[in-house]
PDB file of N, CA and C in Angstrom:
ATOM      1  N   UNK A   1     200.424 296.033  55.820  1.00  0.00           N
ATOM      2  CA  UNK A   1     200.598 296.130  54.727  1.00  0.00           C
ATOM      3  C   UNK A   1     201.157 295.624  53.465  1.00  0.00           C
ATOM      4  N   UNK A   2     200.847 295.474  52.654  1.00  0.00           N
ATOM      5  CA  UNK A   2     201.599 294.135  51.829  1.00  0.00           C
ATOM      6  C   UNK A   2     202.172 294.849  50.966  1.00  0.00           C
ATOM      7  N   UNK A   3     203.351 294.971  49.985  1.00  0.00           N
ATOM      8  CA  UNK A   3     204.537 295.299  49.477  1.00  0.00           C
ATOM      9  C   UNK A   3     204.326 294.385  48.062  1.00  0.00           C
ATOM     10  N   UNK A   4     204.132 293.221  48.865  1.00  0.00           N
ATOM     11  CA  UNK A   4     204.362 292.043  47.713  1.00  0.00           C
ATOM     12  C   UNK A   4     203.998 291.506  47.829  1.00  0.00           C
ATOM     13  N   UNK A   5     202.009 291.020  47.727  1.00  0.00           N
ATOM     14  CA  UNK A   5     201.151 289.934  47.841  1.00  0.00           C
ATOM     15  C   UNK A   5     201.945 288.573  47.170  1.00  0.00           C
ATOM     16  N   UNK A   6     202.497 288.556  46.289  1.00  0.00           N
ATOM     17  CA  UNK A   6     202.570 287.130  45.666  1.00  0.00           C
ATOM     18  C   UNK A   6     204.456 286.891  46.058  1.00  0.00           C
ATOM     19  N   UNK A   7     204.865 285.513  45.849  1.00  0.00           N
ATOM     20  CA  UNK A   7     205.947 285.595  46.342  1.00  0.00           C
ATOM     21  C   UNK A   7     207.356 286.201  45.027  1.00  0.00           C
ATOM     22  N   UNK A   8     206.469 285.119  44.320  1.00  0.00           N
ATOM     23  CA  UNK A   8     207.473 285.557  43.028  1.00  0.00           C
ATOM     24  C   UNK A   8     207.926 287.427  42.883  1.00  0.00           C
ATOM     25  N   UNK A   9     207.358 288.152  43.470  1.00  0.00           N
ATOM     26  CA  UNK A   9     207.422 289.755  43.793  1.00  0.00           C
ATOM     27  C   UNK A   9     207.810 290.165  44.472  1.00  0.00           C
ATOM     28  N   UNK A  10     207.520 289.118  46.018  1.00  0.00           N
ATOM     29  CA  UNK A  10     208.658 289.133  47.024  1.00  0.00           C
ATOM     30  C   UNK A  10     210.047 289.334  46.463  1.00  0.00           C
ATOM     31  N   UNK A  11     210.138 288.063  45.895  1.00  0.00           N
ATOM     32  CA  UNK A  11     211.519 287.581  45.744  1.00  0.00           C
ATOM     33  C   UNK A  11     212.161 288.997  44.356  1.00  0.00           C
ATOM     34  N   UNK A  12     211.633 289.260  43.706  1.00  0.00           N
ATOM     35  CA  UNK A  12     212.488 290.005  42.643  1.00  0.00           C
ATOM     36  C   UNK A  12     212.664 291.736  43.534  1.00  0.00           C
ATOM     37  N   UNK A  13     211.322 292.096  44.530  1.00  0.00           N
ATOM     38  CA  UNK A  13     211.902 293.452  44.876  1.00  0.00           C
ATOM     39  C   UNK A  13     212.961 292.982  46.000  1.00  0.00           C
ATOM     40  N   UNK A  14     213.606 291.753  46.564  1.00  0.00           N
ATOM     41  CA  UNK A  14     214.434 291.266  47.819  1.00  0.00           C
ATOM     42  C   UNK A  14     215.845 291.352  46.518  1.00  0.00           C
ATOM     43  N   UNK A  15     215.768 290.906  45.633  1.00  0.00           N
ATOM     44  CA  UNK A  15     216.712 290.748  44.817  1.00  0.00           C
ATOM     45  C   UNK A  15     217.110 292.068  44.109  1.00  0.00           C
ATOM     46  N   UNK A  16     216.234 293.156  43.557  1.00  0.00           N
ATOM     47  CA  UNK A  16     216.626 294.430  43.584  1.00  0.00           C
ATOM     48  C   UNK A  16     217.154 295.323  44.701  1.00  0.00           C
ATOM     49  N   UNK A  17     216.528 295.195  45.853  1.00  0.00           N
ATOM     50  CA  UNK A  17     217.381 296.282  47.263  1.00  0.00           C
ATOM     51  C   UNK A  17     218.626 295.289  46.975  1.00  0.00           C
ATOM     52  N   UNK A  18     218.563 294.017  46.946  1.00  0.00           N
ATOM     53  CA  UNK A  18     220.212 293.504  47.545  1.00  0.00           C
ATOM     54  C   UNK A  18     220.568 294.180  46.287  1.00  0.00           C
ATOM     55  N   UNK A  19     220.756 294.107  44.637  1.00  0.00           N
ATOM     56  CA  UNK A  19     221.415 294.856  44.089  1.00  0.00           C
ATOM     57  C   UNK A  19     221.840 296.082  44.099  1.00  0.00           C
ATOM     58  N   UNK A  20     220.944 296.967  44.120  1.00  0.00           N
ATOM     59  CA  UNK A  20     220.900 298.572  44.819  1.00  0.00           C
ATOM     60  C   UNK A  20     220.966 298.883  46.469  1.00  0.00           C
ATOM     61  N   UNK A  21     221.312 297.574  47.152  1.00  0.00           N
ATOM     62  CA  UNK A  21     221.168 298.603  47.970  1.00  0.00           C
ATOM     63  C   UNK A  21     222.840 298.815  48.857  1.00  0.00           C
ATOM     64  N   UNK A  22     223.608 297.988  48.031  1.00  0.00           N
ATOM     65  CA  UNK A  22     225.048 298.462  48.430  1.00  0.00           C
ATOM     66  C   UNK A  22     226.603 299.617  46.947  1.00  0.00           C
ATOM     67  N   UNK A  23     224.784 300.075  46.475  1.00  0.00           N
ATOM     68  CA  UNK A  23     225.107 300.941  45.126  1.00  0.00           C
ATOM     69  C   UNK A  23     225.818 302.608  45.690  1.00  0.00           C
ATOM     70  N   UNK A  24     225.725 302.488  46.917  1.00  0.00           N
ATOM     71  CA  UNK A  24     226.615 304.163  46.867  1.00  0.00           C
ATOM     72  C   UNK A  24     227.964 303.929  48.039  1.00  0.00           C
ATOM     73  N   UNK A  25     228.469 302.804  48.064  1.00  0.00           N
ATOM     74  CA  UNK A  25     229.292 302.791  49.369  1.00  0.00           C
ATOM     75  C   UNK A  25     230.698 303.014  48.314  1.00  0.00           C
ATOM     76  N   UNK A  26     231.016 302.451  46.647  1.00  0.00           N
ATOM     77  CA  UNK A  26     231.996 302.929  46.256  1.00  0.00           C
ATOM     78  C   UNK A  26     232.093 304.601  46.136  1.00  0.00           C
ATOM     79  N   UNK A  27     231.076 304.323  45.472  1.00  0.00           N
ATOM     80  CA  UNK A  27     230.751 306.220  45.381  1.00  0.00           C
ATOM     81  C   UNK A  27     231.304 307.286  46.386  1.00  0.00           C
ATOM     82  N   UNK A  28     230.884 306.642  47.620  1.00  0.00           N
ATOM     83  CA  UNK A  28     230.586 307.503  48.759  1.00  0.00           C
ATOM     84  C   UNK A  28     232.632 307.343  49.612  1.00  0.00           C
ATOM     85  N   UNK A  29     232.422 306.460  49.044  1.00  0.00           N
ATOM     86  CA  UNK A  29     234.402 305.876  49.792  1.00  0.00           C
ATOM     87  C   UNK A  29     235.294 306.719  48.819  1.00  0.00           C
ATOM     88  N   UNK A  30     234.807 306.897  47.086  1.00  0.00           N
ATOM     89  CA  UNK A  30     235.899 307.586  46.883  1.00  0.00           C
ATOM     90  C   UNK A  30     235.461 308.765  46.819  1.00  0.00           C
ATOM     91  N   UNK A  31     234.354 309.252  47.038  1.00  0.00           N
ATOM     92  CA  UNK A  31     234.589 310.876  47.373  1.00  0.00           C
ATOM     93  C   UNK A  31     235.117 311.369  48.680  1.00  0.00           C
ATOM     94  N   UNK A  32     234.940 310.509  49.907  1.00  0.00           N
ATOM     95  CA  UNK A  32     235.491 310.893  51.562  1.00  0.00           C
ATOM     96  C   UNK A  32     237.063 310.810  50.529  1.00  0.00           C
ATOM     97  N   UNK A  33     237.358 310.188  49.971  1.00  0.00           N
ATOM     98  CA  UNK A  33     238.862 309.698  49.923  1.00  0.00           C
ATOM     99  C   UNK A  33     239.468 311.181  49.244  1.00  0.00           C
ATOM    100  N   UNK A  34     238.762 311.683  48.525  1.00  0.00           N
ATOM    101  CA  UNK A  34     239.102 313.300  47.900  1.00  0.00           C
ATOM    102  C   UNK A  34     239.064 313.611  48.305  1.00  0.00           C
ATOM    103  N   UNK A  35     237.674 314.114  49.210  1.00  0.00           N
ATOM    104  CA  UNK A  35     237.317 315.820  50.114  1.00  0.00           C
ATOM    105  C   UNK A  35     238.223 315.576  51.147  1.00  0.00           C
ATOM    106  N   UNK A  36     238.597 314.234  51.773  1.00  0.00           N
ATOM    107  CA  UNK A  36     240.018 313.909  52.868  1.00  0.00           C
ATOM    108  C   UNK A  36     240.678 314.104  52.583  1.00  0.00           C
ATOM    109  N   UNK A  37     242.424 315.090  53.360  1.00  0.00           N
ATOM    110  CA  UNK A  37     243.345 315.314  52.933  1.00  0.00           C
ATOM    111  C   UNK A  37     244.372 314.068  53.552  1.00  0.00           C
ATOM    112  N   UNK A  38     245.290 313.510  52.208  1.00  0.00           N
ATOM    113  CA  UNK A  38     246.264 312.715  51.984  1.00  0.00           C
ATOM    114  C   UNK A  38     246.244 311.908  53.823  1.00  0.00           C
ATOM    115  N   UNK A  39     246.843 312.874  54.880  1.00  0.00           N
ATOM    116  CA  UNK A  39     247.151 312.368  56.030  1.00  0.00           C
ATOM    117  C   UNK A  39     246.224 312.398  57.139  1.00  0.00           C
ATOM    118  N   UNK A  40     245.056 312.280  56.905  1.00  0.00           N
ATOM    119  CA  UNK A  40     243.589 312.186  56.816  1.00  0.00           C
ATOM    120  C   UNK A  40     242.592 310.295  56.653  1.00  0.00           C
ATOM    121  N   UNK A  41     243.514 309.897  55.412  1.00  0.00           N
ATOM    122  CA  UNK A  41     242.594 309.360  54.720  1.00  0.00           C
ATOM    123  C   UNK A  41     242.397 307.301  55.362  1.00  0.00           C
ATOM    124  N   UNK A  42     243.570 307.282  56.226  1.00  0.00           N
ATOM    125  CA  UNK A  42     243.554 306.441  56.858  1.00  0.00           C
ATOM    126  C   UNK A  42     242.016 305.878  57.819  1.00  0.00           C
ATOM    127  N   UNK A  43     242.353 307.386  58.583  1.00  0.00           N
ATOM    128  CA  UNK A  43     241.481 307.630  59.346  1.00  0.00           C
ATOM    129  C   UNK A  43     240.049 307.066  59.316  1.00  0.00           C
ATOM    130  N   UNK A  44     239.713 307.927  58.139  1.00  0.00           N
ATOM    131  CA  UNK A  44     238.791 308.693  57.743  1.00  0.00           C
ATOM    132  C   UNK A  44     238.209 307.159  57.045  1.00  0.00           C
ATOM    133  N   UNK A  45     238.878 306.389  56.791  1.00  0.00           N
ATOM    134  CA  UNK A  45     238.301 305.011  56.010  1.00  0.00           C
ATOM    135  C   UNK A  45     238.236 303.887  57.230  1.00  0.00           C
ATOM    136  N   UNK A  46     239.266 304.203  57.561  1.00  0.00           N
ATOM    137  CA  UNK A  46     238.464 303.124  58.620  1.00  0.00           C
ATOM    138  C   UNK A  46     237.295 303.421  59.943  1.00  0.00           C
ATOM    139  N   UNK A  47     237.256 304.459  59.860  1.00  0.00           N
ATOM    140  CA  UNK A  47     235.593 305.065  60.585  1.00  0.00           C
ATOM    141  C   UNK A  47     234.615 304.875  59.953  1.00  0.00           C
ATOM    142  N   UNK A  48     234.840 304.967  58.723  1.00  0.00           N
ATOM    143  CA  UNK A  48     233.534 304.936  57.949  1.00  0.00           C
ATOM    144  C   UNK A  48     232.952 303.208  58.044  1.00  0.00           C
ATOM    145  N   UNK A  49     234.583 302.402  57.610  1.00  0.00           N
ATOM    146  CA  UNK A  49     234.127 301.142  57.576  1.00  0.00           C
ATOM    147  C   UNK A  49     233.402 300.303  59.233  1.00  0.00           C
ATOM    148  N   UNK A  50     233.775 300.676  59.658  1.00  0.00           N
ATOM    149  CA  UNK A  50     233.671 300.422  61.462  1.00  0.00           C
ATOM    150  C   UNK A  50     232.056 300.908  61.376  1.00  0.00           C
ATOM    151  N   UNK A  51     232.186 302.016  61.252  1.00  0.00           N
ATOM    152  CA  UNK A  51     230.166 302.385  61.008  1.00  0.00           C
ATOM    153  C   UNK A  51     229.456 301.129  60.504  1.00  0.00           C
ATOM    154  N   UNK A  52     229.439 301.163  59.100  1.00  0.00           N
ATOM    155  CA  UNK A  52     229.044 300.409  58.124  1.00  0.00           C
ATOM    156  C   UNK A  52     229.173 298.996  58.859  1.00  0.00           C
ATOM    157  N   UNK A  53     230.167 298.861  59.647  1.00  0.00           N
ATOM    158  CA  UNK A  53     230.102 297.355  60.029  1.00  0.00           C
ATOM    159  C   UNK A  53     229.769 297.183  61.011  1.00  0.00           C
ATOM    160  N   UNK A  54     229.475 298.189  62.155  1.00  0.00           N
ATOM    161  CA  UNK A  54     228.373 298.131  63.276  1.00  0.00           C
ATOM    162  C   UNK A  54     226.820 298.542  63.022  1.00  0.00           C
ATOM    163  N   UNK A  55     226.821 298.986  61.992  1.00  0.00           N
ATOM    164  CA  UNK A  55     225.219 299.156  61.630  1.00  0.00           C
ATOM    165  C   UNK A  55     224.839 297.754  60.711  1.00  0.00           C
ATOM    166  N   UNK A  56     225.828 296.970  60.334  1.00  0.00           N
ATOM    167  CA  UNK A  56     225.547 295.699  59.532  1.00  0.00           C
ATOM    168  C   UNK A  56     225.564 294.511  60.401  1.00  0.00           C
ATOM    169  N   UNK A  57     226.288 294.348  61.702  1.00  0.00           N
ATOM    170  CA  UNK A  57     226.159 293.677  62.822  1.00  0.00           C
ATOM    171  C   UNK A  57     225.266 293.742  63.722  1.00  0.00           C
ATOM    172  N   UNK A  58     224.882 294.987  63.929  1.00  0.00           N
ATOM    173  CA  UNK A  58     223.336 295.380  65.242  1.00  0.00           C
ATOM    174  C   UNK A  58     222.209 294.966  64.045  1.00  0.00           C
ATOM    175  N   UNK A  59     221.939 295.595  62.931  1.00  0.00           N
ATOM    176  CA  UNK A  59     220.660 294.925  62.260  1.00  0.00           C
ATOM    177  C   UNK A  59     220.322 294.116  62.249  1.00  0.00           C
ATOM    178  N   UNK A  60     220.605 293.106  62.800  1.00  0.00           N
ATOM    179  CA  UNK A  60     219.819 291.522  63.023  1.00  0.00           C
ATOM    180  C   UNK A  60     219.374 291.578  63.935  1.00  0.00           C
ATOM    181  N   UNK A  61     220.170 292.143  64.794  1.00  0.00           N
ATOM    182  CA  UNK A  61     219.150 292.269  66.554  1.00  0.00           C
ATOM    183  C   UNK A  61     218.171 292.561  66.460  1.00  0.00           C
ATOM    184  N   UNK A  62     218.256 294.552  65.960  1.00  0.00           N
ATOM    185  CA  UNK A  62     216.655 295.033  65.529  1.00  0.00           C
ATOM    186  C   UNK A  62     215.906 294.953  64.722  1.00  0.00           C
ATOM    187  N   UNK A  63     216.218 294.361  63.865  1.00  0.00           N
ATOM    188  CA  UNK A  63     215.200 293.690  62.507  1.00  0.00           C
ATOM    189  C   UNK A  63     214.635 292.318  63.248  1.00  0.00           C
ATOM    190  N   UNK A  64     214.989 291.355  64.416  1.00  0.00           N
ATOM    191  CA  UNK A  64     214.289 290.238  65.069  1.00  0.00           C
ATOM    192  C   UNK A  64     213.605 291.299  66.059  1.00  0.00           C
ATOM    193  N   UNK A  65     214.683 292.007  66.930  1.00  0.00           N
ATOM    194  CA  UNK A  65     213.138 292.281  68.054  1.00  0.00           C
ATOM    195  C   UNK A  65     212.263 293.453  67.618  1.00  0.00           C
ATOM    196  N   UNK A  66     211.854 293.628  66.711  1.00  0.00           N
ATOM    197  CA  UNK A  66     211.020 295.077  65.657  1.00  0.00           C
ATOM    198  C   UNK A  66     209.660 293.403  64.657  1.00  0.00           C
ATOM    199  N   UNK A  67     210.705 292.942  64.202  1.00  0.00           N
ATOM    200  CA  UNK A  67     209.560 291.615  63.854  1.00  0.00           C
ATOM    201  C   UNK A  67     208.873 291.095  65.071  1.00  0.00           C
ATOM    202  N   UNK A  68     209.879 290.456  66.048  1.00  0.00           N
ATOM    203  CA  UNK A  68     208.313 289.944  67.532  1.00  0.00           C
ATOM    204  C   UNK A  68     207.917 290.671  68.375  1.00  0.00           C
ATOM    205  N   UNK A  69     208.261 292.038  68.516  1.00  0.00           N
ATOM    206  CA  UNK A  69     206.807 293.085  69.110  1.00  0.00           C
ATOM    207  C   UNK A  69     206.222 293.635  68.416  1.00  0.00           C
ATOM    208  N   UNK A  70     206.408 293.703  66.781  1.00  0.00           N
ATOM    209  CA  UNK A  70     205.501 294.743  65.724  1.00  0.00           C
ATOM    210  C   UNK A  70     204.798 293.477  64.968  1.00  0.00           C
ATOM    211  N   UNK A  71     205.113 294.245  63.807  1.00  0.00           N
ATOM    212  CA  UNK A  71     204.325 292.978  62.879  1.00  0.00           C
ATOM    213  C   UNK A  71     205.478 293.366  61.882  1.00  0.00           C
ATOM    214  N   UNK A  72     205.409 291.869  61.003  1.00  0.00           N
ATOM    215  CA  UNK A  72     206.573 291.710  60.108  1.00  0.00           C
ATOM    216  C   UNK A  72     206.979 292.322  58.922  1.00  0.00           C
ATOM    217  N   UNK A  73     206.512 293.686  58.441  1.00  0.00           N
ATOM    218  CA  UNK A  73     206.883 294.431  57.538  1.00  0.00           C
ATOM    219  C   UNK A  73     207.746 295.910  58.691  1.00  0.00           C
ATOM    220  N   UNK A  74     207.475 296.136  59.670  1.00  0.00           N
ATOM    221  CA  UNK A  74     208.202 297.003  60.099  1.00  0.00           C
ATOM    222  C   UNK A  74     209.850 297.269  59.894  1.00  0.00           C
ATOM    223  N   UNK A  75     210.446 295.375  60.818  1.00  0.00           N
ATOM    224  CA  UNK A  75     211.834 296.106  59.697  1.00  0.00           C
ATOM    225  C   UNK A  75     212.409 296.680  58.720  1.00  0.00           C
ATOM    226  N   UNK A  76     211.392 295.657  57.763  1.00  0.00           N
ATOM    227  CA  UNK A  76     211.124 296.398  56.250  1.00  0.00           C
ATOM    228  C   UNK A  76     211.353 297.973  56.087  1.00  0.00           C
ATOM    229  N   UNK A  77     210.659 299.051  56.466  1.00  0.00           N
ATOM    230  CA  UNK A  77     209.907 300.455  56.749  1.00  0.00           C
ATOM    231  C   UNK A  77     211.235 301.023  57.266  1.00  0.00           C
ATOM    232  N   UNK A  78     211.218 300.228  58.698  1.00  0.00           N
ATOM    233  CA  UNK A  78     212.534 301.443  59.404  1.00  0.00           C
ATOM    234  C   UNK A  78     213.505 300.542  58.478  1.00  0.00           C
ATOM    235  N   UNK A  79     214.613 300.203  58.408  1.00  0.00           N
ATOM    236  CA  UNK A  79     215.413 299.754  57.034  1.00  0.00           C
ATOM    237  C   UNK A  79     215.577 300.424  56.013  1.00  0.00           C
ATOM    238  N   UNK A  80     213.579 301.312  55.368  1.00  0.00           N
ATOM    239  CA  UNK A  80     214.007 301.564  53.758  1.00  0.00           C
ATOM    240  C   UNK A  80     214.613 303.433  55.074  1.00  0.00           C
ATOM    241  N   UNK A  81     213.626 303.247  55.885  1.00  0.00           N
ATOM    242  CA  UNK A  81     213.822 304.827  55.971  1.00  0.00           C
ATOM    243  C   UNK A  81     215.443 305.001  56.486  1.00  0.00           C
ATOM    244  N   UNK A  82     215.996 304.241  57.161  1.00  0.00           N
ATOM    245  CA  UNK A  82     217.140 304.683  57.887  1.00  0.00           C
ATOM    246  C   UNK A  82     218.086 305.101  56.751  1.00  0.00           C
ATOM    247  N   UNK A  83     218.556 304.111  55.556  1.00  0.00           N
ATOM    248  CA  UNK A  83     219.108 304.568  54.338  1.00  0.00           C
ATOM    249  C   UNK A  83     218.888 305.299  54.041  1.00  0.00           C
ATOM    250  N   UNK A  84     217.366 306.119  53.300  1.00  0.00           N
ATOM    251  CA  UNK A  84     217.031 307.326  52.458  1.00  0.00           C
ATOM    252  C   UNK A  84     217.681 308.548  53.610  1.00  0.00           C
ATOM    253  N   UNK A  85     216.789 307.995  55.357  1.00  0.00           N
ATOM    254  CA  UNK A  85     217.927 309.334  55.359  1.00  0.00           C
ATOM    255  C   UNK A  85     219.426 309.291  55.470  1.00  0.00           C
ATOM    256  N   UNK A  86     219.895 308.398  56.007  1.00  0.00           N
ATOM    257  CA  UNK A  86     221.780 307.971  55.379  1.00  0.00           C
ATOM    258  C   UNK A  86     222.028 308.984  54.658  1.00  0.00           C
ATOM    259  N   UNK A  87     221.564 308.362  52.428  1.00  0.00           N
ATOM    260  CA  UNK A  87     221.679 309.576  51.354  1.00  0.00           C
ATOM    261  C   UNK A  87     221.008 310.185  51.509  1.00  0.00           C
ATOM    262  N   UNK A  88     219.896 310.891  52.377  1.00  0.00           N
ATOM    263  CA  UNK A  88     220.045 311.967  51.837  1.00  0.00           C
ATOM    264  C   UNK A  88     220.831 313.629  53.251  1.00  0.00           C
ATOM    265  N   UNK A  89     220.571 312.822  54.552  1.00  0.00           N
ATOM    266  CA  UNK A  89     222.016 313.382  54.937  1.00  0.00           C
ATOM    267  C   UNK A  89     223.522 313.596  54.386  1.00  0.00           C
ATOM    268  N   UNK A  90     223.664 312.639  53.734  1.00  0.00           N
ATOM    269  CA  UNK A  90     225.445 312.692  53.036  1.00  0.00           C
ATOM    270  C   UNK A  90     224.779 313.710  52.114  1.00  0.00           C
ATOM    271  N   UNK A  91     224.298 313.660  50.901  1.00  0.00           N
ATOM    272  CA  UNK A  91     224.040 314.775  50.345  1.00  0.00           C
ATOM    273  C   UNK A  91     223.775 316.112  50.620  1.00  0.00           C
ATOM    274  N   UNK A  92     223.106 316.154  51.137  1.00  0.00           N
ATOM    275  CA  UNK A  92     222.860 317.435  51.973  1.00  0.00           C
ATOM    276  C   UNK A  92     224.077 317.985  52.567  1.00  0.00           C
ATOM    277  N   UNK A  93     224.633 317.401  53.563  1.00  0.00           N
ATOM    278  CA  UNK A  93     225.758 317.086  54.293  1.00  0.00           C
ATOM    279  C   UNK A  93     227.555 317.778  53.145  1.00  0.00           C
ATOM    280  N   UNK A  94     227.208 317.003  51.972  1.00  0.00           N
ATOM    281  CA  UNK A  94     228.905 317.310  51.066  1.00  0.00           C
ATOM    282  C   UNK A  94     228.144 317.957  49.502  1.00  0.00           C
ATOM    283  N   UNK A  95     226.634 318.482  48.789  1.00  0.00           N
ATOM    284  CA  UNK A  95     226.649 318.871  48.082  1.00  0.00           C
ATOM    285  C   UNK A  95     226.827 320.367  47.884  1.00  0.00           C
ATOM    286  N   UNK A  96     227.592 320.826  48.575  1.00  0.00           N
ATOM    287  CA  UNK A  96     228.528 321.895  47.583  1.00  0.00           C
ATOM    288  C   UNK A  96     230.173 321.293  48.340  1.00  0.00           C
ATOM    289  N   UNK A  97     230.260 320.540  48.636  1.00  0.00           N
ATOM    290  CA  UNK A  97     231.918 320.270  48.586  1.00  0.00           C
ATOM    291  C   UNK A  97     232.550 319.694  47.772  1.00  0.00           C
ATOM    292  N   UNK A  98     232.835 320.080  46.959  1.00  0.00           N
ATOM    293  CA  UNK A  98     233.834 319.725  46.109  1.00  0.00           C
ATOM    294  C   UNK A  98     235.325 319.125  46.513  1.00  0.00           C
ATOM    295  N   UNK A  99     235.833 318.269  45.397  1.00  0.00           N
ATOM    296  CA  UNK A  99     236.967 318.135  45.952  1.00  0.00           C
ATOM    297  C   UNK A  99     238.051 318.563  45.305  1.00  0.00           C
ATOM    298  N   UNK A 100     239.446 318.359  46.188  1.00  0.00           N
ATOM    299  CA  UNK A 100     240.060 320.016  44.785  1.00  0.00           C
ATOM    300  C   UNK A 100     240.411 319.805  43.636  1.00  0.00           C
ATOM    301  N   UNK A 101     240.624 318.659  42.967  1.00  0.00           N
ATOM    302  CA  UNK A 101     240.563 318.779  41.569  1.00  0.00           C
ATOM    303  C   UNK A 101     239.812 319.387  41.227  1.00  0.00           C
ATOM    304  N   UNK A 102     238.433 319.440  41.508  1.00  0.00           N
ATOM    305  CA  UNK A 102     237.043 320.092  41.129  1.00  0.00           C
ATOM    306  C   UNK A 102     237.263 321.577  41.459  1.00  0.00           C
ATOM    307  N   UNK A 103     237.673 321.724  42.513  1.00  0.00           N
ATOM    308  CA  UNK A 103     237.759 323.367  42.761  1.00  0.00           C
ATOM    309  C   UNK A 103     238.896 323.745  42.202  1.00  0.00           C
ATOM    310  N   UNK A 104     240.410 323.526  42.109  1.00  0.00           N
ATOM    311  CA  UNK A 104     241.431 323.583  41.033  1.00  0.00           C
ATOM    312  C   UNK A 104     241.171 324.441  39.526  1.00  0.00           C
ATOM    313  N   UNK A 105     240.012 322.982  38.853  1.00  0.00           N
ATOM    314  CA  UNK A 105     239.838 323.148  37.494  1.00  0.00           C
ATOM    315  C   UNK A 105     238.565 324.673  38.120  1.00  0.00           C
ATOM    316  N   UNK A 106     238.026 324.167  38.402  1.00  0.00           N
ATOM    317  CA  UNK A 106     236.921 326.146  38.591  1.00  0.00           C
ATOM    318  C   UNK A 106     237.699 327.029  39.046  1.00  0.00           C
ATOM    319  N   UNK A 107     238.675 326.991  39.354  1.00  0.00           N
ATOM    320  CA  UNK A 107     239.471 328.477  40.405  1.00  0.00           C
ATOM    321  C   UNK A 107     240.241 328.735  38.697  1.00  0.00           C
ATOM    322  N   UNK A 108     240.454 327.392  37.514  1.00  0.00           N
ATOM    323  CA  UNK A 108     241.488 327.904  36.224  1.00  0.00           C
ATOM    324  C   UNK A 108     240.236 328.304  35.485  1.00  0.00           C
ATOM    325  N   UNK A 109     238.862 328.141  35.440  1.00  0.00           N
ATOM    326  CA  UNK A 109     238.334 328.540  34.819  1.00  0.00           C
ATOM    327  C   UNK A 109     238.035 330.239  34.465  1.00  0.00           C
ATOM    328  N   UNK A 110     238.316 330.776  36.147  1.00  0.00           N
ATOM    329  CA  UNK A 110     237.089 331.890  36.883  1.00  0.00           C
ATOM    330  C   UNK A 110     238.517 333.247  35.697  1.00  0.00           C
TER     331      UNK A 110
END
């Protein structure tokens, strides 16, 4: 299945993905630091950075294996599905968790 049948469209889609691909990183880091206690922030920051780096290091190997054994579009579709799953999982896990500042503000309003 071709998403970009011409080269210029492929370049535009690739650039768009590059611009938007890491857009959630600062937000998730900030939110994580707000939700996690001060004594746990260093450990949490290290854990999230290591997991992100591990995924980035393993990704090209997995993509090459998929590309070699299946079609060229499979690594791109798999990557998109993993990213969407990651984002939706984070959202579902933390949608009701409020940072301490918001929780205090909410208590004051009541």
